[in-house]
């Protein structure tokens, strides 16, 4: 497919400047050539169910440097690509003016759009077959809130985990406030390293309030600045600077959270005593090891999971009663078993269960401790305990997106697909930009597959595999659906993708690992994979 796209670009006198993962930057001397090339590419891919592209086109000044190009022409084209629909083209008005009537007529006016990091609004035209530009999410009834990653202003890359961890602690504390709708950590962190426009963030995440700030650490002192912005008006609701000794860092987090709540809604100040204060380790080294471990765990690969295991264990060695670290290590074991990283899965599950119990004993108000217990119990087939623990995790942290997904996953295996869909939909709404969003989408697909709603299941499975970092499970579920539908050629292709990502996958692993309570559900899933061509052993 890459060669085919390259040939189309060459045929239209384009030059591929660079490729970045699944994205390409292409330069054309003519807008007409660029548009004709884009239309042909999207036409060629129109029947492809897995690969869908977004294309943005703009004409503007560029600078050639070191085999790369820079400038407003590149920046605006990149932002147009981000708002284009899957399978569509977004074209700036500036570029459209260079087209003749017939070619220009193939695009329709989508109005002026405020593009991220672009000062002035850009009038956008979209291809007739490409759908519409992505619309902002509707605001929920509760005050919707996002915390952007605090910038590390120390000039020391080693302090990245410090600023990241501080941001995550604020998100966790705020998510415990029942009357706030807080966007999950992974979606907020999708903006890390950029300087996003607050209006764009609010539109993309479906929030009204955005908290942003910076952390500057020097010696034994730390300075934290924070500002809360009403994205609807652009007004600063609250801003503050905190200078503290590092020994006071956890008290500082509580102070920021309390002040922030009082600023958003004065009457919330009366309820501050009701919120659960997250227990934090007193030793900063413990906290640093824990944050480094989480950073690797979120990567999800076998090697990163191994590093996470090592680093979180160091945190536990320094503080054996650190509930979140105990729970996090249990969840590392959960991934080791689910994704086939371990040769001793039963032993790891027993260790994970012990760690989860220790985490709850250390702090029974820690949402992640109950989440870990729920996940381990799911794989052990104790689904009644899994559901109860995951519901308790949500009760303690109502914006904990992964707990909703975990609950949906447990309900799936318990044969309660309708309830599973409700919980997974909630997870997707709370965390629409999670790097692991493919897992949510694949879980949603699995629910409808087991419910034998194959067309809806297929739609969600295709959404899952289109995500940039989709894992083997996403392709496995897709292969199962195609197998059940009798679409043999597509099923074989999906199995090939599955085995490319996990060469040792066999049906016996699925049967031993996936805890279907209903034998009919288990046989349905295995039958689809068997028909798709997944090996038995």
Protein backbone atom coordinates (compact mmCIF):
# COMPACT_ATOMS: atom_id res chain seq x y z
CA UNK A 1 0.00 0.00 0.00
CA UNK A 2 2.85 2.42 0.80
CA UNK A 3 4.35 1.77 -2.63
CA UNK A 4 1.00 2.41 -4.29
CA UNK A 5 0.65 5.74 -2.49
CA UNK A 6 4.21 6.66 -3.42
CA UNK A 7 3.45 5.92 -7.08
CA UNK A 8 0.34 8.12 -6.99
CA UNK A 9 2.34 11.01 -5.48
CA UNK A 10 5.05 10.65 -8.14
CA UNK A 11 2.48 10.50 -10.95
CA UNK A 12 1.16 13.88 -9.77
CA UNK A 13 4.64 15.44 -9.62
CA UNK A 14 4.76 15.43 -5.83
CA UNK A 15 7.79 15.02 -3.60
CA UNK A 16 7.54 13.01 -0.35
CA UNK A 17 9.58 15.17 2.05
CA UNK A 18 9.36 12.75 4.97
CA UNK A 19 7.17 10.04 6.48
CA UNK A 20 6.33 9.98 10.19
CA UNK A 21 4.83 6.65 11.24
CA UNK A 22 1.58 6.50 9.29
CA UNK A 23 1.79 10.18 8.20
CA UNK A 24 3.42 11.74 5.15
CA UNK A 25 4.51 15.29 4.37
CA UNK A 26 4.32 15.89 0.61
CA UNK A 27 5.27 19.00 -1.39
CA UNK A 28 3.73 19.94 -4.76
CA UNK A 29 4.56 22.78 -7.10
CA UNK A 30 0.88 23.09 -8.05
CA UNK A 31 -2.28 23.12 -5.91
CA UNK A 32 -4.09 21.39 -8.76
CA UNK A 33 -1.59 18.52 -8.65
CA UNK A 34 -1.92 18.29 -4.87
CA UNK A 35 -5.72 18.15 -4.96
CA UNK A 36 -5.86 15.64 -7.82
CA UNK A 37 -3.36 13.45 -6.01
CA UNK A 38 -5.38 13.63 -2.77
CA UNK A 39 -8.62 12.78 -4.56
CA UNK A 40 -7.03 9.77 -6.26
CA UNK A 41 -5.52 8.52 -3.00
CA UNK A 42 -8.86 8.71 -1.20
CA UNK A 43 -10.64 7.13 -4.18
CA UNK A 44 -8.15 4.23 -4.17
CA UNK A 45 -8.73 3.68 -0.45
CA UNK A 46 -12.52 4.09 -0.55
CA UNK A 47 -13.14 0.34 -0.46
CA UNK A 48 -10.44 -0.44 2.10
CA UNK A 49 -12.01 -1.24 5.45
CA UNK A 50 -8.89 -0.94 7.60
CA UNK A 51 -6.79 1.87 6.15
CA UNK A 52 -8.42 5.33 6.20
CA UNK A 53 -6.49 8.58 5.78
CA UNK A 54 -7.05 12.23 6.59
CA UNK A 55 -5.49 14.73 4.18
CA UNK A 56 -4.94 18.48 4.63
CA UNK A 57 -3.91 20.84 1.82
CA UNK A 58 -2.74 24.46 2.02
CA UNK A 59 -0.65 26.81 -0.11
CA UNK A 60 1.83 29.06 1.63
CA UNK A 61 5.43 30.02 2.23
CA UNK A 62 7.83 27.24 3.14
CA UNK A 63 11.53 27.03 3.99
CA UNK A 64 13.78 24.16 2.85
CA UNK A 65 16.34 23.11 5.44
CA UNK A 66 18.26 19.86 6.02
CA UNK A 67 16.02 17.81 3.71
CA UNK A 68 12.94 19.08 5.53
CA UNK A 69 10.48 21.93 5.03
CA UNK A 70 9.03 24.41 7.51
CA UNK A 71 6.75 27.41 7.54
CA UNK A 72 3.10 28.45 7.64
CA UNK A 73 2.29 26.38 4.57
CA UNK A 74 3.33 23.24 6.41
CA UNK A 75 1.80 24.20 9.78
CA UNK A 76 -1.65 25.00 8.40
CA UNK A 77 -1.72 21.89 6.18
CA UNK A 78 -0.88 19.78 9.25
CA UNK A 79 -3.69 21.35 11.28
CA UNK A 80 -6.15 20.89 8.41
CA UNK A 81 -5.24 17.21 8.30
CA UNK A 82 -6.09 16.90 12.01
CA UNK A 83 -9.67 18.17 11.55
CA UNK A 84 -10.37 16.31 8.30
CA UNK A 85 -12.79 13.38 8.44
CA UNK A 86 -11.47 9.85 7.97
CA UNK A 87 -11.33 9.23 4.22
CA UNK A 88 -11.70 12.96 3.58
CA UNK A 89 -9.75 16.05 2.54
CA UNK A 90 -9.69 19.44 4.25
CA UNK A 91 -8.63 22.29 1.94
CA UNK A 92 -7.92 25.88 2.94
CA UNK A 93 -9.77 28.67 1.15
CA UNK A 94 -6.39 30.08 0.09
CA UNK A 95 -5.59 26.85 -1.77
CA UNK A 96 -9.10 26.49 -3.22
CA UNK A 97 -8.79 29.82 -5.03
CA UNK A 98 -6.19 28.28 -7.32
CA UNK A 99 -8.60 25.59 -8.58
CA UNK A 100 -10.85 25.84 -11.61
CA UNK A 101 -14.62 25.75 -11.21
CA UNK A 102 -15.10 22.02 -11.73
CA UNK A 103 -12.34 20.93 -9.35
CA UNK A 104 -13.25 23.56 -6.77
CA UNK A 105 -16.86 22.38 -6.97
CA UNK A 106 -15.91 19.00 -5.53
CA UNK A 107 -15.40 20.71 -2.16
CA UNK A 108 -18.03 22.25 0.06
CA UNK A 109 -17.73 25.10 2.53
CA UNK A 110 -17.32 23.94 6.15
CA UNK A 111 -16.97 27.48 7.50
CA UNK A 112 -14.20 29.18 9.43
CA UNK A 113 -12.25 26.99 11.87
CA UNK A 114 -9.86 27.98 14.63
CA UNK A 115 -6.91 25.64 14.07
CA UNK A 116 -4.57 24.67 16.90
CA UNK A 117 -1.62 27.08 17.29
CA UNK A 118 -2.76 29.15 14.27
CA UNK A 119 -3.53 32.76 15.23
CA UNK A 120 -6.23 33.55 12.66
CA UNK A 121 -9.25 31.43 11.77
CA UNK A 122 -9.03 29.57 8.46
CA UNK A 123 -11.94 29.04 6.11
CA UNK A 124 -12.09 25.33 5.36
CA UNK A 125 -13.54 23.36 2.45
CA UNK A 126 -14.03 19.59 2.65
CA UNK A 127 -14.34 16.91 0.00
CA UNK A 128 -17.92 15.99 -0.82
CA UNK A 129 -17.43 12.29 -0.04
CA UNK A 130 -15.27 12.87 2.99
CA UNK A 131 -17.92 13.63 5.53
CA UNK A 132 -17.59 16.65 7.80
CA UNK A 133 -14.83 17.99 9.93
CA UNK A 134 -14.76 16.62 13.44
CA UNK A 135 -17.37 18.34 15.60
CA UNK A 136 -16.77 19.29 19.24
CA UNK A 137 -18.10 16.98 21.95
CA UNK A 138 -21.25 18.00 23.78
CA UNK A 139 -20.73 19.33 27.29
CA UNK A 140 -21.98 17.08 30.12
CA UNK A 141 -24.27 18.26 32.90
CA UNK A 142 -21.48 18.36 35.50
CA UNK A 143 -18.76 21.05 35.27
CA UNK A 144 -16.40 19.46 32.67
CA UNK A 145 -12.72 19.80 33.44
CA UNK A 146 -9.32 19.00 31.89
CA UNK A 147 -5.85 19.34 33.41
CA UNK A 148 -3.10 19.80 30.81
CA UNK A 149 0.39 18.42 31.55
CA UNK A 150 2.31 20.94 33.65
CA UNK A 151 5.40 22.19 31.77
CA UNK A 152 8.81 21.25 33.13
CA UNK A 153 10.62 24.61 33.34
CA UNK A 154 13.71 23.25 35.12
CA UNK A 155 15.74 22.71 31.97
CA UNK A 156 16.48 19.20 33.22
CA UNK A 157 14.91 16.31 31.25
CA UNK A 158 15.20 14.14 34.37
CA UNK A 159 12.48 16.27 35.97
CA UNK A 160 9.88 15.30 33.33
CA UNK A 161 8.57 12.48 35.51
CA UNK A 162 8.26 14.97 38.40
CA UNK A 163 6.05 17.42 36.47
CA UNK A 164 4.09 14.54 34.88
CA UNK A 165 3.50 12.93 38.26
CA UNK A 166 2.40 16.22 39.79
CA UNK A 167 -0.16 16.67 36.99
CA UNK A 168 -1.43 13.13 37.42
CA UNK A 169 -1.85 13.60 41.18
CA UNK A 170 -4.01 16.68 40.58
CA UNK A 171 -6.15 14.76 38.05
CA UNK A 172 -6.56 11.87 40.49
CA UNK A 173 -7.53 14.11 43.39
CA UNK A 174 -9.99 16.12 41.29
CA UNK A 175 -11.57 12.98 39.83
CA UNK A 176 -12.66 12.01 43.35
CA UNK A 177 -14.95 15.04 43.50
CA UNK A 178 -18.30 13.58 42.52
CA UNK A 179 -19.70 16.79 41.12
CA UNK A 180 -16.87 17.32 38.64
CA UNK A 181 -16.52 15.67 35.23
CA UNK A 182 -12.75 15.23 34.89
CA UNK A 183 -11.08 14.11 31.66
CA UNK A 184 -8.75 11.16 32.27
CA UNK A 185 -4.96 11.38 32.47
CA UNK A 186 -4.12 9.77 29.13
CA UNK A 187 -6.35 12.08 27.09
CA UNK A 188 -4.93 15.17 28.83
CA UNK A 189 -1.40 13.92 28.25
CA UNK A 190 -2.00 13.64 24.48
CA UNK A 191 -1.22 17.40 24.47
CA UNK A 192 2.14 16.99 26.20
CA UNK A 193 5.03 18.71 24.43
CA UNK A 194 2.78 21.10 22.49
CA UNK A 195 1.38 24.55 23.19
CA UNK A 196 -2.28 23.86 22.47
CA UNK A 197 -4.90 26.54 22.06
CA UNK A 198 -7.28 26.36 25.00
CA UNK A 199 -10.34 26.71 22.76
CA UNK A 200 -9.16 23.78 20.65
CA UNK A 201 -8.53 21.63 23.73
CA UNK A 202 -11.99 22.42 25.08
CA UNK A 203 -13.60 21.51 21.77
CA UNK A 204 -11.67 18.26 21.32
CA UNK A 205 -12.18 17.03 24.90
CA UNK A 206 -15.69 18.38 25.44
CA UNK A 207 -14.81 20.52 28.46
CA UNK A 208 -15.33 24.09 29.57
CA UNK A 209 -12.58 24.53 32.16
CA UNK A 210 -8.89 23.95 31.44
CA UNK A 211 -6.12 23.99 34.07
CA UNK A 212 -2.57 24.56 32.85
CA UNK A 213 0.68 25.47 34.57
CA UNK A 214 4.38 24.91 35.02
CA UNK A 215 6.82 23.38 37.50
CA UNK A 216 10.29 24.80 38.16
CA UNK A 217 12.49 22.81 40.51
CA UNK A 218 15.80 24.12 41.82
CA UNK A 219 17.77 22.62 44.67
CA UNK A 220 15.38 21.92 47.51
CA UNK A 221 12.83 24.49 46.35
CA UNK A 222 9.99 24.25 43.87
CA UNK A 223 7.84 26.89 42.18
CA UNK A 224 4.49 25.91 40.67
CA UNK A 225 2.32 28.27 38.66
CA UNK A 226 -1.21 27.35 37.67
CA UNK A 227 -4.09 29.05 35.92
CA UNK A 228 -7.67 28.00 35.36
CA UNK A 229 -9.29 29.20 32.15
CA UNK A 230 -12.94 29.32 31.14
CA UNK A 231 -12.54 28.14 27.54
CA UNK A 232 -15.97 29.46 26.55
CA UNK A 233 -14.95 33.06 27.27
CA UNK A 234 -11.16 32.88 27.38
CA UNK A 235 -11.24 34.47 30.83
CA UNK A 236 -8.85 33.45 33.61
CA UNK A 237 -11.00 32.17 36.45
CA UNK A 238 -8.06 31.74 38.82
CA UNK A 239 -4.27 31.96 38.80
CA UNK A 240 -1.70 31.39 41.52
CA UNK A 241 2.00 30.85 42.13
CA UNK A 242 3.29 28.53 44.85
CA UNK A 243 6.85 28.56 46.22
CA UNK A 244 7.56 25.72 48.59
CA UNK A 245 10.21 23.42 50.00
CA UNK A 246 10.21 20.03 48.30
CA UNK A 247 9.42 18.39 51.62
CA UNK A 248 6.02 20.10 51.39
CA UNK A 249 5.14 18.89 47.89
CA UNK A 250 2.16 16.70 48.78
CA UNK A 251 0.60 19.32 51.03
CA UNK A 252 1.05 21.71 48.10
CA UNK A 253 -0.96 19.43 45.81
CA UNK A 254 -3.82 19.40 48.31
CA UNK A 255 -3.67 23.19 48.63
CA UNK A 256 -3.90 23.71 44.86
CA UNK A 257 -6.83 21.32 44.58
CA UNK A 258 -8.76 22.92 47.44
CA UNK A 259 -8.20 26.46 46.13
CA UNK A 260 -9.20 25.42 42.63
CA UNK A 261 -12.50 23.89 43.76
CA UNK A 262 -13.40 26.99 45.74
CA UNK A 263 -12.65 29.18 42.71
CA UNK A 264 -14.87 27.21 40.30
CA UNK A 265 -17.95 27.11 42.49
CA UNK A 266 -18.08 29.01 45.83
CA UNK A 267 -20.54 26.64 47.43
CA UNK A 268 -18.22 23.72 46.71
CA UNK A 269 -15.96 25.10 49.44
CA UNK A 270 -18.46 23.80 52.03
CA UNK A 271 -18.06 20.28 50.68
CA UNK A 272 -14.24 20.24 50.61
CA UNK A 273 -14.13 18.08 53.73
CA UNK A 274 -16.13 15.39 51.94
CA UNK A 275 -13.58 14.71 49.27
CA UNK A 276 -11.14 11.85 49.72
CA UNK A 277 -7.54 12.96 49.99
CA UNK A 278 -5.30 10.56 48.14
CA UNK A 279 -2.68 9.00 50.34
CA UNK A 280 0.77 9.97 49.04
CA UNK A 281 4.20 8.57 49.96
CA UNK A 282 6.26 10.87 52.15
CA UNK A 283 9.54 9.98 50.49
CA UNK A 284 10.07 11.73 47.15
CA UNK A 285 12.37 8.94 45.91
CA UNK A 286 9.55 6.45 46.38
CA UNK A 287 7.26 8.68 44.38
CA UNK A 288 9.82 9.15 41.60
CA UNK A 289 10.37 5.40 41.19
CA UNK A 290 6.63 4.90 41.06
CA UNK A 291 6.15 7.59 38.38
CA UNK A 292 8.94 6.19 36.23
CA UNK A 293 7.36 2.74 36.50
CA UNK A 294 3.96 4.07 35.45
CA UNK A 295 5.53 5.86 32.47
CA UNK A 296 6.84 2.53 31.18
CA UNK A 297 3.64 0.65 32.04
CA UNK A 298 1.54 3.05 29.95
CA UNK A 299 3.70 2.14 26.91
CA UNK A 300 2.22 -1.36 27.02
CA UNK A 301 5.01 -3.29 25.28
CA UNK A 302 6.61 -6.41 26.73
CA UNK A 303 9.95 -4.67 27.36
CA UNK A 304 8.32 -1.59 28.89
CA UNK A 305 6.15 -3.75 31.12
CA UNK A 306 9.31 -5.48 32.37
CA UNK A 307 10.90 -2.11 33.17
CA UNK A 308 7.73 -0.98 34.92
CA UNK A 309 7.85 -4.11 37.06
CA UNK A 310 11.43 -3.37 38.15
CA UNK A 311 10.86 0.31 38.95
CA UNK A 312 7.57 -0.08 40.79
CA UNK A 313 9.14 -2.83 42.89
CA UNK A 314 11.83 -0.34 43.94
CA UNK A 315 9.12 2.04 45.13
CA UNK A 316 7.52 -0.77 47.15
CA UNK A 317 10.88 -1.73 48.67
CA UNK A 318 11.20 1.84 49.95
CA UNK A 319 7.59 2.07 51.12
CA UNK A 320 5.87 -1.35 51.52
CA UNK A 321 2.56 0.36 52.43
CA UNK A 322 2.34 2.53 49.27
CA UNK A 323 -1.12 1.44 48.11
CA UNK A 324 -1.00 2.82 44.58
CA UNK A 325 2.36 1.20 43.86
CA UNK A 326 1.15 -2.18 45.13
CA UNK A 327 -1.93 -1.87 42.94
CA UNK A 328 0.11 -0.72 39.93
CA UNK A 329 2.41 -3.76 40.19
CA UNK A 330 -0.65 -6.01 40.31
CA UNK A 331 -1.89 -4.34 37.11
CA UNK A 332 1.50 -4.89 35.47
CA UNK A 333 1.02 -8.60 36.20
CA UNK A 334 -2.50 -8.39 34.73
CA UNK A 335 -1.07 -7.13 31.43
CA UNK A 336 1.68 -9.76 31.50
CA UNK A 337 -0.98 -12.46 31.60
CA UNK A 338 -3.58 -10.92 29.27
CA UNK A 339 -1.09 -10.13 26.51
CA UNK A 340 0.87 -13.35 26.87
CA UNK A 341 4.10 -11.82 28.17
CA UNK A 342 4.53 -14.48 30.89
CA UNK A 343 5.25 -18.20 30.83
CA UNK A 344 3.84 -18.58 34.37
CA UNK A 345 0.42 -16.86 34.16
CA UNK A 346 -1.22 -18.65 37.10
CA UNK A 347 1.66 -17.75 39.39
CA UNK A 348 1.48 -14.10 38.33
CA UNK A 349 -2.26 -13.96 38.91
CA UNK A 350 -1.79 -15.32 42.45
CA UNK A 351 0.91 -12.71 43.10
CA UNK A 352 -1.33 -10.02 41.63
CA UNK A 353 -4.17 -11.04 43.92
CA UNK A 354 -1.87 -10.83 46.96
CA UNK A 355 -0.62 -7.39 45.88
CA UNK A 356 -4.18 -6.13 45.36
CA UNK A 357 -5.18 -7.27 48.84
CA UNK A 358 -2.12 -5.54 50.31
CA UNK A 359 -3.01 -2.36 48.41
CA UNK A 360 -6.56 -2.34 49.80
CA UNK A 361 -5.31 -3.08 53.31
CA UNK A 362 -2.88 -0.14 53.05
CA UNK A 363 -5.61 2.27 51.85
CA UNK A 364 -9.15 1.02 51.30
CA UNK A 365 -10.12 4.42 49.82
CA UNK A 366 -7.60 4.12 46.98
CA UNK A 367 -9.57 3.65 43.73
CA UNK A 368 -6.68 2.04 41.88
CA UNK A 369 -6.35 -0.65 44.56
CA UNK A 370 -9.92 -1.82 43.95
CA UNK A 371 -9.41 -1.43 40.20
CA UNK A 372 -6.40 -3.76 40.33
CA UNK A 373 -8.33 -6.29 42.40
CA UNK A 374 -11.15 -6.15 39.87
CA UNK A 375 -8.83 -6.70 36.91
CA UNK A 376 -6.97 -9.61 38.51
CA UNK A 377 -10.28 -11.17 39.62
CA UNK A 378 -11.56 -10.89 36.05
CA UNK A 379 -8.74 -12.98 34.63
CA UNK A 380 -9.08 -15.47 37.48
CA UNK A 381 -12.71 -15.98 36.49
CA UNK A 382 -14.09 -14.59 39.78
CA UNK A 383 -16.40 -12.20 37.96
CA UNK A 384 -18.72 -11.40 40.88
CA UNK A 385 -15.73 -10.10 42.88
CA UNK A 386 -14.41 -8.31 39.78
CA UNK A 387 -17.68 -6.43 39.22
CA UNK A 388 -18.00 -5.48 42.91
CA UNK A 389 -14.41 -4.19 43.13
CA UNK A 390 -14.63 -2.21 39.89
CA UNK A 391 -17.93 -0.65 40.96
CA UNK A 392 -16.28 0.38 44.24
CA UNK A 393 -13.36 1.87 42.31
CA UNK A 394 -15.82 3.99 40.31
CA UNK A 395 -17.66 5.00 43.48
CA UNK A 396 -14.38 6.30 44.91
CA UNK A 397 -13.30 7.94 41.63
CA UNK A 398 -16.30 8.72 39.39
CA UNK A 399 -14.14 9.91 36.46
CA UNK A 400 -11.86 6.85 36.41
CA UNK A 401 -12.27 5.90 32.73
CA UNK A 402 -10.25 2.68 32.91
CA UNK A 403 -12.41 1.44 35.79
CA UNK A 404 -15.51 1.85 33.61
CA UNK A 405 -13.73 -0.06 30.83
CA UNK A 406 -12.58 -2.74 33.28
CA UNK A 407 -16.15 -3.10 34.53
CA UNK A 408 -17.41 -3.38 30.96
CA UNK A 409 -14.78 -6.01 30.27
CA UNK A 410 -15.83 -8.08 33.31
CA UNK A 411 -19.50 -7.78 32.33
CA UNK A 412 -18.61 -8.95 28.82
CA UNK A 413 -17.09 -12.14 30.19
CA UNK A 414 -20.07 -12.54 32.54
CA UNK A 415 -22.43 -12.56 29.54
CA UNK A 416 -24.01 -9.16 30.32
CA UNK A 417 -23.33 -7.42 27.02
CA UNK A 418 -25.92 -4.65 27.26
CA UNK A 419 -24.53 -3.48 30.60
CA UNK A 420 -20.98 -3.89 29.28
CA UNK A 421 -21.69 -1.51 26.39
CA UNK A 422 -23.04 1.15 28.77
CA UNK A 423 -19.87 1.05 30.88
CA UNK A 424 -17.46 1.05 27.91
CA UNK A 425 -19.30 3.98 26.32
CA UNK A 426 -18.78 5.89 29.56
CA UNK A 427 -15.05 5.09 29.44
CA UNK A 428 -14.79 6.38 25.86
CA UNK A 429 -16.60 9.61 26.76
CA UNK A 430 -14.38 10.26 29.77
CA UNK A 431 -11.14 9.46 27.94
CA UNK A 432 -11.64 10.07 24.19
CA UNK A 433 -7.90 10.51 23.43
CA UNK A 434 -6.42 7.70 25.50
CA UNK A 435 -3.39 6.19 23.70
CA UNK A 436 -5.00 2.81 24.39
CA UNK A 437 -8.42 3.88 23.06
CA UNK A 438 -8.26 0.88 20.73
CA UNK A 439 -8.81 -1.35 23.79
CA UNK A 440 -12.04 0.49 24.60
CA UNK A 441 -13.22 0.21 21.00
CA UNK A 442 -12.29 -3.45 20.77
CA UNK A 443 -14.09 -4.18 24.06
CA UNK A 444 -17.15 -2.44 22.64
CA UNK A 445 -16.86 -4.58 19.52
CA UNK A 446 -16.51 -7.77 21.57
CA UNK A 447 -19.73 -6.97 23.44
CA UNK A 448 -21.72 -6.68 20.24
CA UNK A 449 -20.00 -9.71 18.74
CA UNK A 450 -21.08 -11.83 21.72
CA UNK A 451 -24.55 -10.30 21.38
CA UNK A 452 -24.41 -11.48 17.74
CA UNK A 453 -24.88 -7.94 16.42
CA UNK A 454 -22.23 -8.52 13.81
CA UNK A 455 -22.50 -5.37 11.69
CA UNK A 456 -22.26 -3.09 14.72
CA UNK A 457 -19.45 -5.26 16.07
CA UNK A 458 -17.61 -4.91 12.76
CA UNK A 459 -17.95 -1.11 12.77
CA UNK A 460 -16.38 -0.86 16.24
CA UNK A 461 -13.66 -3.40 15.42
CA UNK A 462 -12.65 -1.38 12.37
CA UNK A 463 -12.49 1.75 14.52
CA UNK A 464 -10.19 -0.13 16.88
CA UNK A 465 -7.70 -1.34 14.26
CA UNK A 466 -7.54 2.13 12.70
CA UNK A 467 -5.93 3.51 15.85
CA UNK A 468 -2.21 4.16 15.44
CA UNK A 469 -1.03 1.73 18.14
CA UNK A 470 -3.71 -0.98 17.92
CA UNK A 471 -2.56 -4.28 19.45
CA UNK A 472 -3.02 -7.86 18.34
CA UNK A 473 -6.28 -8.23 20.26
CA UNK A 474 -7.95 -5.57 18.09
CA UNK A 475 -7.09 -7.52 14.94
CA UNK A 476 -8.03 -10.82 16.60
CA UNK A 477 -11.55 -9.57 17.36
CA UNK A 478 -11.83 -8.27 13.79
CA UNK A 479 -10.73 -11.67 12.45
CA UNK A 480 -13.34 -13.40 14.63
CA UNK A 481 -16.12 -11.18 13.30
CA UNK A 482 -15.12 -11.77 9.69
CA UNK A 483 -14.94 -15.49 10.43
CA UNK A 484 -18.46 -15.50 11.87
CA UNK A 485 -19.72 -13.51 8.87
CA UNK A 486 -18.12 -15.95 6.42
CA UNK A 487 -15.99 -13.21 4.86
CA UNK A 488 -13.05 -15.55 4.49
CA UNK A 489 -10.59 -13.38 2.58
CA UNK A 490 -10.91 -10.48 5.03
CA UNK A 491 -10.74 -12.93 7.94
CA UNK A 492 -7.45 -14.37 6.69
CA UNK A 493 -5.98 -10.87 6.28
CA UNK A 494 -7.01 -9.92 9.81
CA UNK A 495 -5.49 -13.13 11.20
CA UNK A 496 -2.26 -12.37 9.32
CA UNK A 497 -2.15 -8.93 10.99
CA UNK A 498 -2.85 -10.55 14.36
CA UNK A 499 -0.01 -13.04 13.98
CA UNK A 500 2.31 -10.32 12.72
CA UNK A 501 1.85 -8.56 16.07
CA UNK A 502 1.81 -11.78 18.15
CA UNK A 503 3.42 -14.65 16.20
CA UNK A 504 2.90 -17.22 18.97
CA UNK A 505 -0.86 -16.68 19.31
CA UNK A 506 -2.92 -19.89 19.21
CA UNK A 507 -6.50 -20.81 20.07
CA UNK A 508 -5.42 -22.72 23.17
CA UNK A 509 -4.00 -19.46 24.65
CA UNK A 510 -7.31 -17.67 24.05
CA UNK A 511 -9.26 -20.55 25.61
CA UNK A 512 -7.00 -20.66 28.67
CA UNK A 513 -6.81 -16.88 29.21
CA UNK A 514 -10.21 -15.38 28.36
CA UNK A 515 -12.60 -16.13 31.28
CA UNK A 516 -15.92 -16.50 29.45
CA UNK A 517 -18.51 -17.57 32.01
CA UNK A 518 -20.98 -18.65 29.36
CA UNK A 519 -19.79 -21.67 27.31
CA UNK A 520 -21.83 -20.42 24.35
CA UNK A 521 -19.88 -17.12 24.36
CA UNK A 522 -16.57 -18.97 24.54
CA UNK A 523 -17.44 -21.25 21.64
CA UNK A 524 -18.74 -18.33 19.55
CA UNK A 525 -15.43 -16.48 19.97
CA UNK A 526 -13.27 -19.55 19.34
CA UNK A 527 -15.39 -20.58 16.36
CA UNK A 528 -14.92 -17.20 14.67
CA UNK A 529 -11.14 -17.32 15.17
CA UNK A 530 -11.02 -20.94 14.01
CA UNK A 531 -12.92 -20.09 10.82
CA UNK A 532 -10.56 -17.14 10.27
CA UNK A 533 -7.60 -19.53 10.32
CA UNK A 534 -5.98 -19.00 13.74
CA UNK A 535 -3.92 -22.13 14.60
CA UNK A 536 -5.18 -24.45 17.34
CA UNK A 537 -1.72 -25.01 18.89
